Amino acid sequence: MSLVGTADAGFSITVEPSGRAFTVEGNETILSAAIRQGVGLPYGCKDGACGSCKCKMLAGTVTLDSHQSKALSADEELAGLILTCRAHPTSDVVLESRQVTEAGAFPIRKMPVRVRALSRLSHDVMQIQLQLPAGEPMQFHAGQYIEFILRDGARRSYSMANAPHTLHAPGAGVELHVRHMPGGKFTDHVFGAMKEKEILRVEGPYGSFFLREESTKPIVLLASGTGFAPIKALIEHMQFKNLTRPTVLYWGGRRPEDLYMDDWLREREALMPHLRYVPVVSNATPEDNWTGRTGFVHQAVLEDLPDLSGHQVYACGAPVVVESARRDYVALAGLPDEEFYADAFTSEADKALP
């Protein structure tokens, strides 16, 4: 891999084994060019912090913008891996990515939205219902996210917690689950000054986290904290489409109150015979009277399913949970790397790390 030279216009990017090709113009990153042209490369934060867009470069040269070593280590760079969100081609490039999909091409749009309702799901999680402009339904895959564009141009990303079909109901809107991060520019506003009818600007949909419906493999859903939001959208979509693949959800929190839609999940489990729900709590106290599973949520999966070679895994939540799951499921349980789909919830603090 070359880390010298400057990006030029018009370099061709080919993605194997699909053969999909697109062109990078000017000083675009490979990922931004792919998104612009509807090529569904995997990605998450777009900021070099989560590692979701990591791909093998089979041929060509790129320059890499600064990124976090946990997203792409020096050893991985030497092995020919790149982060497409930080990579600028300096020649034509051939990448290997098995997650490229024709289905990732919904148009990305900016639009105003109105806060329709605010309700607390727990002491530190707010449910926001957003009303979309009349006559302008947003097309998205269950599991994708939108970005708020703040007044100073800063952006904040949140996964949509409902499936696309729910927008067709009268008065329906986009549902978000926002955890309060004290001192956070956006979440302090959500938990302090935000009022119903407030107007905000959003852009989306973004993200490569959505169900691969062409597969028949059993599904493991893994969520930590508000990583449940896109998982909830997947479950709604599966119920709506009457998908019957065996599915188990492991949802982890520090305390039982962190599993803020436990009742909703138990109702879905009763309605969906192919869905099983396993709540896991890592830091229960005696007053919680918790009698369920304890420990780290990603390890609970390994305890129950030591062989994941025939599964698909969809993991969402804290970066440490997603990274640990990917590493251990591939290394210890035989999960094919290309069958691990993830959305790591990188906060602004995560992105600011060296």
Protein backbone atom coordinates (compact mmCIF):
# COMPACT_ATOMS: atom_id res chain seq x y z
CA MET A 1 0.00 0.00 0.00
CA SER A 2 1.34 3.41 -0.88
CA LEU A 3 0.92 6.24 1.57
CA VAL A 4 2.51 8.81 -0.71
CA GLY A 5 1.21 10.82 -3.61
CA THR A 6 -2.03 12.79 -3.92
CA ALA A 7 -5.52 11.74 -4.88
CA ASP A 8 -6.50 12.52 -8.46
CA ALA A 9 -9.80 12.64 -10.30
CA GLY A 10 -11.41 9.75 -12.06
CA PHE A 11 -9.82 6.68 -10.48
CA SER A 12 -11.82 3.49 -10.91
CA ILE A 13 -12.73 1.29 -7.94
CA THR A 14 -13.69 -2.34 -8.61
CA VAL A 15 -15.19 -4.48 -5.87
CA GLU A 16 -14.67 -8.24 -5.98
CA PRO A 17 -16.19 -10.78 -6.14
CA SER A 18 -19.29 -8.86 -7.30
CA GLY A 19 -17.46 -6.94 -10.06
CA ARG A 20 -19.28 -3.71 -9.12
CA ALA A 21 -17.31 -0.65 -10.26
CA PHE A 22 -17.51 3.08 -9.60
CA THR A 23 -15.37 6.18 -9.96
CA VAL A 24 -13.81 8.42 -7.30
CA GLU A 25 -13.76 12.09 -8.26
CA GLY A 26 -11.51 14.81 -6.87
CA ASN A 27 -10.58 14.37 -3.23
CA GLU A 28 -13.46 12.05 -2.32
CA THR A 29 -12.88 9.04 -0.13
CA ILE A 30 -13.65 5.66 -1.63
CA LEU A 31 -16.63 5.32 0.71
CA SER A 32 -18.16 8.73 -0.05
CA ALA A 33 -17.92 7.97 -3.77
CA ALA A 34 -19.57 4.58 -3.24
CA ILE A 35 -22.43 6.12 -1.24
CA ARG A 36 -22.91 8.85 -3.87
CA GLN A 37 -23.22 6.22 -6.62
CA GLY A 38 -25.38 3.73 -4.71
CA VAL A 39 -22.74 1.03 -4.24
CA GLY A 40 -23.44 -0.73 -0.95
CA LEU A 41 -20.05 -1.03 0.73
CA PRO A 42 -20.18 -1.79 4.47
CA TYR A 43 -19.72 1.19 6.80
CA GLY A 44 -20.73 2.70 10.11
CA CYS A 45 -19.35 5.92 11.58
CA LYS A 46 -17.65 7.35 8.43
CA ASP A 47 -15.01 8.87 10.76
CA GLY A 48 -12.26 6.25 11.01
CA ALA A 49 -13.37 5.18 14.49
CA CYS A 50 -15.43 2.00 14.20
CA GLY A 51 -13.72 -0.18 11.58
CA SER A 52 -16.97 -1.27 9.92
CA CYS A 53 -15.75 -0.18 6.47
CA LYS A 54 -12.52 -2.19 6.62
CA CYS A 55 -11.78 -3.91 3.30
CA LYS A 56 -8.92 -5.84 1.74
CA MET A 57 -7.16 -3.94 -1.06
CA LEU A 58 -6.22 -6.45 -3.75
CA ALA A 59 -4.54 -3.97 -6.11
CA GLY A 60 -3.80 -0.26 -6.31
CA THR A 61 -2.56 2.50 -4.03
CA VAL A 62 -4.29 4.87 -1.63
CA THR A 63 -3.52 7.55 0.93
CA LEU A 64 -5.16 7.12 4.32
CA ASP A 65 -6.42 10.01 6.43
CA SER A 66 -5.89 9.82 10.19
CA HIS A 67 -7.85 7.07 11.91
CA GLN A 68 -7.96 5.16 15.18
CA SER A 69 -5.72 2.13 15.58
CA LYS A 70 -8.63 0.13 17.00
CA ALA A 71 -10.41 0.65 13.67
CA LEU A 72 -7.35 -0.29 11.59
CA SER A 73 -4.14 -1.45 13.24
CA ALA A 74 -0.63 -1.09 11.82
CA ASP A 75 -0.48 -4.86 11.28
CA GLU A 76 -3.76 -4.77 9.36
CA GLU A 77 -2.41 -1.95 7.17
CA LEU A 78 0.66 -4.03 6.40
CA ALA A 79 -1.64 -6.93 5.49
CA GLY A 80 -3.32 -4.74 2.86
CA LEU A 81 -6.47 -3.72 4.72
CA ILE A 82 -7.83 -0.18 4.38
CA LEU A 83 -10.68 1.90 5.79
CA THR A 84 -12.69 3.06 2.80
CA CYS A 85 -13.99 6.04 4.82
CA ARG A 86 -10.41 7.37 5.13
CA ALA A 87 -8.92 6.14 1.84
CA HIS A 88 -8.20 8.37 -1.16
CA PRO A 89 -7.09 6.42 -4.25
CA THR A 90 -3.87 7.39 -6.01
CA SER A 91 -4.43 4.81 -8.75
CA ASP A 92 -7.20 2.49 -9.87
CA VAL A 93 -8.05 0.17 -6.96
CA VAL A 94 -9.46 -3.34 -6.61
CA LEU A 95 -11.15 -4.13 -3.28
CA GLU A 96 -12.49 -7.32 -1.79
CA SER A 97 -15.86 -6.95 -0.03
CA ARG A 98 -18.52 -9.63 0.13
CA GLN A 99 -21.14 -7.30 1.61
CA VAL A 100 -21.70 -5.25 -1.56
CA THR A 101 -25.40 -5.31 -2.35
CA GLU A 102 -27.69 -3.87 -4.98
CA ALA A 103 -30.16 -3.11 -2.18
CA GLY A 104 -28.07 -0.39 -0.60
CA ALA A 105 -29.00 2.36 -2.99
CA PHE A 106 -31.89 4.34 -1.52
CA PRO A 107 -31.38 8.05 -2.26
CA ILE A 108 -29.79 10.09 0.53
CA ARG A 109 -31.78 13.26 1.13
CA LYS A 110 -31.76 16.29 3.42
CA MET A 111 -35.12 17.27 4.88
CA PRO A 112 -36.69 19.21 7.75
CA VAL A 113 -38.40 17.14 10.45
CA ARG A 114 -40.68 18.14 13.34
CA VAL A 115 -40.46 16.65 16.83
CA ARG A 116 -43.86 15.00 17.19
CA ALA A 117 -43.43 13.42 20.62
CA LEU A 118 -40.86 12.91 23.38
CA SER A 119 -41.13 10.15 25.98
CA ARG A 120 -38.64 8.68 28.43
CA LEU A 121 -37.99 4.97 28.03
CA SER A 122 -35.65 4.95 31.07
CA HIS A 123 -33.85 7.47 33.25
CA ASP A 124 -31.32 8.14 30.48
CA VAL A 125 -33.02 7.04 27.23
CA MET A 126 -35.44 9.30 25.36
CA GLN A 127 -37.72 8.14 22.59
CA ILE A 128 -38.12 10.82 19.92
CA GLN A 129 -40.85 10.59 17.30
CA LEU A 130 -40.05 12.68 14.22
CA GLN A 131 -42.71 13.82 11.76
CA LEU A 132 -41.47 13.79 8.16
CA PRO A 133 -42.52 16.40 5.57
CA ALA A 134 -45.96 15.71 4.09
CA GLY A 135 -45.81 13.72 0.89
CA GLU A 136 -42.10 12.94 1.30
CA PRO A 137 -41.75 9.45 2.75
CA MET A 138 -38.19 8.44 3.53
CA GLN A 139 -37.05 5.21 1.91
CA PHE A 140 -34.75 3.18 4.10
CA HIS A 141 -33.87 -0.32 5.19
CA ALA A 142 -34.74 -1.40 8.72
CA GLY A 143 -31.50 -0.93 10.66
CA GLN A 144 -30.20 2.18 8.89
CA TYR A 145 -29.58 5.57 10.52
CA ILE A 146 -30.07 9.29 9.95
CA GLU A 147 -27.83 12.22 10.79
CA PHE A 148 -29.00 15.40 12.50
CA ILE A 149 -27.36 18.48 11.00
CA LEU A 150 -26.87 20.94 13.86
CA ARG A 151 -26.77 24.73 13.50
CA ASP A 152 -22.96 24.82 13.48
CA GLY A 153 -22.78 22.08 10.84
CA ALA A 154 -21.88 19.33 13.33
CA ARG A 155 -23.64 16.00 12.82
CA ARG A 156 -25.06 13.41 15.18
CA SER A 157 -26.10 9.93 14.03
CA TYR A 158 -29.03 7.88 15.36
CA SER A 159 -30.47 4.61 14.13
CA MET A 160 -34.13 4.47 13.22
CA ALA A 161 -35.91 2.21 15.70
CA ASN A 162 -38.88 1.39 13.50
CA ALA A 163 -39.26 -0.49 10.24
CA PRO A 164 -40.11 1.35 6.98
CA HIS A 165 -43.63 -0.10 6.70
CA THR A 166 -44.66 1.61 9.96
CA LEU A 167 -44.38 5.02 8.29
CA HIS A 168 -47.49 4.25 6.24
CA ALA A 169 -49.76 4.41 9.31
CA PRO A 170 -51.62 7.72 9.82
CA GLY A 171 -49.57 10.14 11.90
CA ALA A 172 -46.57 7.82 12.01
CA GLY A 173 -43.01 9.08 12.04
CA VAL A 174 -39.43 8.03 12.53
CA GLU A 175 -38.63 6.65 15.99
CA LEU A 176 -35.23 7.20 17.65
CA HIS A 177 -33.78 6.10 20.99
CA VAL A 178 -31.33 8.69 22.35
CA ARG A 179 -29.16 8.02 25.39
CA HIS A 180 -28.16 11.03 27.48
CA MET A 181 -24.42 11.68 27.35
CA PRO A 182 -23.92 14.43 29.99
CA GLY A 183 -22.07 17.34 28.39
CA GLY A 184 -23.07 16.19 24.91
CA LYS A 185 -24.03 19.07 22.64
CA PHE A 186 -27.05 17.28 21.21
CA THR A 187 -28.18 14.98 24.01
CA ASP A 188 -28.08 17.75 26.64
CA HIS A 189 -30.53 19.60 24.39
CA VAL A 190 -32.73 16.51 23.96
CA PHE A 191 -32.96 15.98 27.73
CA GLY A 192 -33.14 19.69 28.58
CA ALA A 193 -34.61 22.19 26.16
CA MET A 194 -36.11 20.10 23.33
CA LYS A 195 -39.85 20.58 22.92
CA GLU A 196 -42.54 19.06 20.75
CA LYS A 197 -42.99 20.82 17.37
CA GLU A 198 -39.30 21.81 17.26
CA ILE A 199 -37.92 21.78 13.71
CA LEU A 200 -34.64 19.96 12.98
CA ARG A 201 -32.70 19.06 9.83
CA VAL A 202 -31.74 15.49 9.03
CA GLU A 203 -30.01 13.62 6.23
CA GLY A 204 -30.27 9.95 5.37
CA PRO A 205 -30.62 7.09 5.16
CA TYR A 206 -27.08 5.91 5.93
CA GLY A 207 -25.50 2.63 6.94
CA SER A 208 -25.04 -0.94 5.73
CA PHE A 209 -26.71 -2.54 8.76
CA PHE A 210 -29.84 -4.25 7.49
CA LEU A 211 -31.15 -7.78 7.10
CA ARG A 212 -29.79 -9.89 4.25
CA GLU A 213 -33.07 -11.52 3.31
CA GLU A 214 -31.64 -13.75 0.59
CA SER A 215 -30.05 -15.97 3.26
CA THR A 216 -31.81 -18.81 5.06
CA LYS A 217 -29.27 -19.09 7.88
CA PRO A 218 -30.35 -18.81 11.53
CA ILE A 219 -29.86 -15.30 12.93
CA VAL A 220 -28.17 -14.08 16.10
CA LEU A 221 -29.11 -10.51 17.04
CA LEU A 222 -26.73 -8.90 19.54
CA ALA A 223 -27.47 -5.54 21.17
CA SER A 224 -25.99 -3.51 23.99
CA GLY A 225 -27.79 -0.49 25.41
CA THR A 226 -29.47 1.67 22.76
CA GLY A 227 -27.94 -0.62 20.14
CA PHE A 228 -31.37 -2.19 20.55
CA ALA A 229 -32.89 0.59 18.38
CA PRO A 230 -31.94 -0.80 14.94
CA ILE A 231 -32.48 -4.36 16.23
CA LYS A 232 -36.06 -3.36 17.10
CA ALA A 233 -36.48 -2.16 13.51
CA LEU A 234 -35.19 -5.51 12.21
CA ILE A 235 -37.64 -7.42 14.40
CA GLU A 236 -40.57 -5.27 13.22
CA HIS A 237 -39.50 -5.86 9.62
CA MET A 238 -39.21 -9.63 10.14
CA GLN A 239 -42.66 -9.76 11.70
CA PHE A 240 -44.18 -7.68 8.90
CA LYS A 241 -42.59 -9.85 6.19
CA ASN A 242 -43.49 -13.04 8.09
CA LEU A 243 -39.88 -14.21 7.97
CA THR A 244 -39.46 -17.51 9.76
CA ARG A 245 -35.70 -17.92 10.07
CA PRO A 246 -34.78 -19.05 13.59
CA THR A 247 -33.71 -15.88 15.42
CA VAL A 248 -32.33 -15.28 18.91
CA LEU A 249 -31.77 -11.84 20.41
CA TYR A 250 -29.23 -11.27 23.17
CA TRP A 251 -29.69 -7.80 24.70
CA GLY A 252 -27.20 -6.63 27.30
CA GLY A 253 -27.27 -3.83 29.85
CA ARG A 254 -25.44 -2.93 33.05
CA ARG A 255 -28.65 -2.96 35.10
CA PRO A 256 -32.12 -4.39 34.33
CA GLU A 257 -33.47 -0.86 33.75
CA ASP A 258 -31.11 -0.55 30.77
CA LEU A 259 -33.29 -3.13 28.96
CA TYR A 260 -35.83 -0.37 28.49
CA MET A 261 -38.24 -2.20 26.14
CA ASP A 262 -38.17 -5.60 27.82
CA ASP A 263 -41.98 -5.82 27.90
CA TRP A 264 -42.20 -5.00 24.17
CA LEU A 265 -39.73 -7.79 23.40
CA ARG A 266 -41.58 -10.35 25.49
CA GLU A 267 -44.77 -9.49 23.59
CA ARG A 268 -42.98 -9.98 20.27
CA GLU A 269 -41.50 -13.27 21.48
CA ALA A 270 -45.05 -14.50 22.22
CA LEU A 271 -46.24 -13.42 18.76
CA MET A 272 -43.23 -14.66 16.76
CA PRO A 273 -42.60 -18.39 17.33
CA HIS A 274 -39.22 -18.23 15.58
CA LEU A 275 -37.90 -15.47 17.89
CA ARG A 276 -36.19 -16.12 21.21
CA TYR A 277 -35.09 -13.36 23.62
CA VAL A 278 -32.22 -13.63 26.11
CA PRO A 279 -31.69 -10.56 28.37
CA VAL A 280 -28.23 -10.30 29.97
CA VAL A 281 -27.22 -7.97 32.83
CA SER A 282 -23.57 -7.32 33.71
CA ASN A 283 -23.74 -5.23 36.89
CA ALA A 284 -26.92 -6.16 38.76
CA THR A 285 -27.17 -5.08 42.39
CA PRO A 286 -29.00 -6.95 45.18
CA GLU A 287 -31.93 -4.51 45.05
CA ASP A 288 -32.45 -5.37 41.37
CA ASN A 289 -33.55 -8.91 42.34
CA TRP A 290 -32.20 -10.04 38.97
CA THR A 291 -32.51 -13.78 38.40
CA GLY A 292 -31.66 -13.89 34.69
CA ARG A 293 -28.38 -14.23 32.80
CA THR A 294 -25.39 -12.25 34.02
CA GLY A 295 -22.00 -11.33 32.56
CA PHE A 296 -20.97 -9.90 29.22
CA VAL A 297 -23.65 -10.17 26.55
CA HIS A 298 -21.36 -11.24 23.69
CA GLN A 299 -20.03 -14.10 25.84
CA ALA A 300 -23.55 -15.32 26.60
CA VAL A 301 -23.89 -16.05 22.88
CA LEU A 302 -20.75 -18.20 22.92
CA GLU A 303 -21.96 -20.08 25.99
CA ASP A 304 -25.19 -21.05 24.19
CA LEU A 305 -23.91 -21.28 20.61
CA PRO A 306 -20.27 -22.43 20.56
CA ASP A 307 -20.55 -23.19 16.82
CA LEU A 308 -21.64 -20.18 14.73
CA SER A 309 -20.31 -21.50 11.43
CA GLY A 310 -23.84 -21.76 9.99
CA HIS A 311 -25.23 -18.49 11.36
CA GLN A 312 -25.50 -14.81 10.52
CA VAL A 313 -24.81 -12.30 13.30
CA TYR A 314 -26.17 -8.75 13.48
CA ALA A 315 -24.45 -6.81 16.27
CA CYS A 316 -25.15 -3.27 17.40
CA GLY A 317 -24.12 -1.08 20.31
CA ALA A 318 -20.97 -0.06 22.14
CA PRO A 319 -17.77 -0.42 20.05
CA VAL A 320 -16.11 -2.67 22.65
CA VAL A 321 -19.04 -5.12 22.47
CA VAL A 322 -19.11 -5.16 18.66
CA GLU A 323 -15.33 -5.52 18.36
CA SER A 324 -15.18 -8.31 20.96
CA ALA A 325 -18.03 -10.15 19.30
CA ARG A 326 -16.48 -9.99 15.83
CA ARG A 327 -13.11 -11.19 17.11
CA ASP A 328 -14.39 -14.04 19.27
CA TYR A 329 -17.17 -15.30 17.02
CA VAL A 330 -14.81 -15.61 14.06
CA ALA A 331 -11.84 -16.99 16.01
CA LEU A 332 -13.60 -19.18 18.56
CA ALA A 333 -16.97 -20.13 17.04
CA GLY A 334 -16.15 -20.42 13.32
CA LEU A 335 -18.43 -17.59 12.14
CA PRO A 336 -17.54 -16.61 8.56
CA ASP A 337 -16.26 -13.02 8.75
CA GLU A 338 -18.56 -11.94 5.93
CA GLU A 339 -21.60 -13.11 7.94
CA PHE A 340 -20.94 -10.59 10.74
CA TYR A 341 -22.94 -7.40 10.18
CA ALA A 342 -22.44 -4.58 12.65
CA ASP A 343 -23.19 -1.01 13.60
CA ALA A 344 -20.87 0.23 16.36
CA PHE A 345 -22.36 3.23 18.15
CA THR A 346 -19.33 5.54 18.19
CA SER A 347 -19.93 8.64 20.31
CA GLU A 348 -18.24 11.97 19.71
CA ALA A 349 -15.94 11.06 22.58
CA ASP A 350 -15.04 7.81 20.79
CA LYS A 351 -14.31 9.70 17.58
CA ALA A 352 -12.10 12.20 19.41
CA LEU A 353 -9.74 9.51 20.70
CA PRO A 354 -6.21 9.55 19.21
